[in-house]
C-alpha atoms as a PDB file:
ATOM      1  CA  MET A   1      76.697  25.287 -52.073  1.00  0.00           C
ATOM      2  CA  PHE A   2      78.166  22.525 -49.870  1.00  0.00           C
ATOM      3  CA  LYS A   3      80.167  25.011 -47.798  1.00  0.00           C
ATOM      4  CA  LYS A   4      77.066  27.065 -47.082  1.00  0.00           C
ATOM      5  CA  SER A   5      75.187  24.029 -45.787  1.00  0.00           C
ATOM      6  CA  ILE A   6      78.152  22.779 -43.734  1.00  0.00           C
ATOM      7  CA  ASP A   7      78.413  26.184 -42.023  1.00  0.00           C
ATOM      8  CA  ASN A   8      75.003  25.510 -40.508  1.00  0.00           C
ATOM      9  CA  PHE A   9      76.422  22.488 -38.712  1.00  0.00           C
ATOM     10  CA  PHE A  10      80.040  23.180 -37.794  1.00  0.00           C
ATOM     11  CA  PRO A  11      81.678  24.599 -35.829  1.00  0.00           C
ATOM     12  CA  PHE A  12      79.249  24.328 -32.960  1.00  0.00           C
ATOM     13  CA  TYR A  13      80.724  24.268 -29.476  1.00  0.00           C
ATOM     14  CA  ASP A  14      79.393  22.419 -26.445  1.00  0.00           C
ATOM     15  CA  LYS A  15      79.326  23.785 -22.890  1.00  0.00           C
ATOM     16  CA  ASN A  16      83.001  22.824 -22.438  1.00  0.00           C
ATOM     17  CA  GLY A  17      84.112  24.629 -25.594  1.00  0.00           C
ATOM     18  CA  LYS A  18      84.632  21.420 -27.569  1.00  0.00           C
ATOM     19  CA  PRO A  19      83.622  21.493 -31.248  1.00  0.00           C
ATOM     20  CA  THR A  20      80.753  19.173 -32.048  1.00  0.00           C
ATOM     21  CA  LEU A  21      78.186  18.577 -34.778  1.00  0.00           C
ATOM     22  CA  GLY A  22      74.710  19.988 -34.460  1.00  0.00           C
ATOM     23  CA  LEU A  23      72.559  22.778 -35.781  1.00  0.00           C
ATOM     24  CA  LYS A  24      73.504  26.227 -34.540  1.00  0.00           C
ATOM     25  CA  GLY A  25      70.886  27.440 -32.081  1.00  0.00           C
ATOM     26  CA  GLN A  26      69.651  23.895 -31.506  1.00  0.00           C
ATOM     27  CA  ASN A  27      68.295  23.130 -28.065  1.00  0.00           C
ATOM     28  CA  PRO A  28      70.791  21.209 -25.934  1.00  0.00           C
ATOM     29  CA  VAL A  29      70.292  17.485 -25.482  1.00  0.00           C
ATOM     30  CA  VAL A  30      68.328  16.776 -22.315  1.00  0.00           C
ATOM     31  CA  GLY A  31      68.169  13.001 -22.562  1.00  0.00           C
ATOM     32  CA  TRP A  32      68.439   9.975 -24.790  1.00  0.00           C
ATOM     33  CA  GLU A  33      65.678   7.777 -26.149  1.00  0.00           C
ATOM     34  CA  ASN A  34      65.759   4.051 -25.532  1.00  0.00           C
ATOM     35  CA  LEU A  35      66.436   1.840 -28.525  1.00  0.00           C
ATOM     36  CA  THR A  36      63.688  -0.327 -29.895  1.00  0.00           C
ATOM     37  CA  ASP A  37      64.372  -4.059 -29.791  1.00  0.00           C
ATOM     38  CA  GLU A  38      64.911  -4.015 -33.551  1.00  0.00           C
ATOM     39  CA  GLN A  39      67.465  -1.179 -33.253  1.00  0.00           C
ATOM     40  CA  ALA A  40      69.282  -2.945 -30.391  1.00  0.00           C
ATOM     41  CA  LYS A  41      69.543  -6.160 -32.420  1.00  0.00           C
ATOM     42  CA  ALA A  42      70.807  -4.272 -35.481  1.00  0.00           C
ATOM     43  CA  VAL A  43      73.487  -2.402 -33.520  1.00  0.00           C
ATOM     44  CA  ALA A  44      74.518  -5.603 -31.729  1.00  0.00           C
ATOM     45  CA  CYS A  45      74.849  -7.332 -35.101  1.00  0.00           C
ATOM     46  CA  LEU A  46      77.169  -4.567 -36.326  1.00  0.00           C
ATOM     47  CA  VAL A  47      79.222  -4.662 -33.131  1.00  0.00           C
ATOM     48  CA  LYS A  48      79.543  -8.465 -33.356  1.00  0.00           C
ATOM     49  CA  ALA A  49      80.712  -8.164 -36.955  1.00  0.00           C
ATOM     50  CA  LEU A  50      83.394  -5.673 -35.883  1.00  0.00           C
ATOM     51  CA  ILE A  51      84.406  -7.871 -32.944  1.00  0.00           C
ATOM     52  CA  ASN A  52      84.840 -10.833 -35.285  1.00  0.00           C
ATOM     53  CA  TYR A  53      86.525  -8.891 -38.078  1.00  0.00           C
ATOM     54  CA  TYR A  54      89.090  -7.258 -35.789  1.00  0.00           C
ATOM     55  CA  ASN A  55      89.388 -10.272 -33.460  1.00  0.00           C
ATOM     56  CA  LEU A  56      88.433  -8.208 -30.393  1.00  0.00           C
ATOM     57  CA  ASP A  57      87.513  -9.346 -26.900  1.00  0.00           C
ATOM     58  CA  LYS A  58      83.815  -8.584 -26.405  1.00  0.00           C
ATOM     59  CA  ASN A  59      84.454  -8.059 -22.683  1.00  0.00           C
ATOM     60  CA  LYS A  60      86.509  -4.977 -23.551  1.00  0.00           C
ATOM     61  CA  ILE A  61      83.678  -3.257 -25.417  1.00  0.00           C
ATOM     62  CA  ASP A  62      82.700  -0.034 -23.647  1.00  0.00           C
ATOM     63  CA  CYS A  63      80.532   2.976 -24.342  1.00  0.00           C
ATOM     64  CA  HIS A  64      81.483   6.498 -25.352  1.00  0.00           C
ATOM     65  CA  GLU A  65      80.352   7.899 -22.010  1.00  0.00           C
ATOM     66  CA  HIS A  66      83.073   5.973 -20.164  1.00  0.00           C
ATOM     67  CA  LEU A  67      85.850   6.730 -22.644  1.00  0.00           C
ATOM     68  CA  ALA A  68      85.316  10.345 -23.745  1.00  0.00           C
ATOM     69  CA  PRO A  69      82.183  11.801 -22.147  1.00  0.00           C
ATOM     70  CA  LYS A  70      80.586  15.043 -23.250  1.00  0.00           C
ATOM     71  CA  GLU A  71      76.994  14.482 -22.170  1.00  0.00           C
ATOM     72  CA  LYS A  72      75.645  12.286 -19.357  1.00  0.00           C
ATOM     73  CA  GLY A  73      74.181   9.065 -20.717  1.00  0.00           C
ATOM     74  CA  GLU A  74      75.961   9.397 -24.057  1.00  0.00           C
ATOM     75  CA  GLY A  75      76.292   5.841 -25.287  1.00  0.00           C
ATOM     76  CA  GLN A  76      75.246   4.101 -22.087  1.00  0.00           C
ATOM     77  CA  ILE A  77      71.668   3.561 -23.267  1.00  0.00           C
ATOM     78  CA  VAL A  78      72.906   1.939 -26.475  1.00  0.00           C
ATOM     79  CA  PHE A  79      75.446  -0.178 -24.615  1.00  0.00           C
ATOM     80  CA  ASN A  80      72.805  -1.369 -22.138  1.00  0.00           C
ATOM     81  CA  ALA A  81      70.428  -2.221 -24.994  1.00  0.00           C
ATOM     82  CA  ILE A  82      72.945  -4.343 -26.933  1.00  0.00           C
ATOM     83  CA  LYS A  83      74.992  -6.076 -24.234  1.00  0.00           C
ATOM     84  CA  ASP A  84      72.621  -9.047 -23.900  1.00  0.00           C
ATOM     85  CA  TYR A  85      72.839  -9.665 -27.666  1.00  0.00           C
ATOM     86  CA  LEU A  86      76.640  -9.725 -27.792  1.00  0.00           C
END
């Protein structure tokens, strides 16, 4: 039963041939929604906890789009929403 349901999600390949998660036949992502203030605060709280736990420099925090991009805007909206709370 689990295998049947997982087959609906993976493997799915993006335009560059990279495997990714998503429903087969799903429309491609055309944009990203902005975070609500509550979501931004919650994500920032989690990021701060990880920064403290792993003793990281908050100035070295970056978004997925800059490190391993697949889609334009991937991660940048979240990063922009949380950076003032860090």
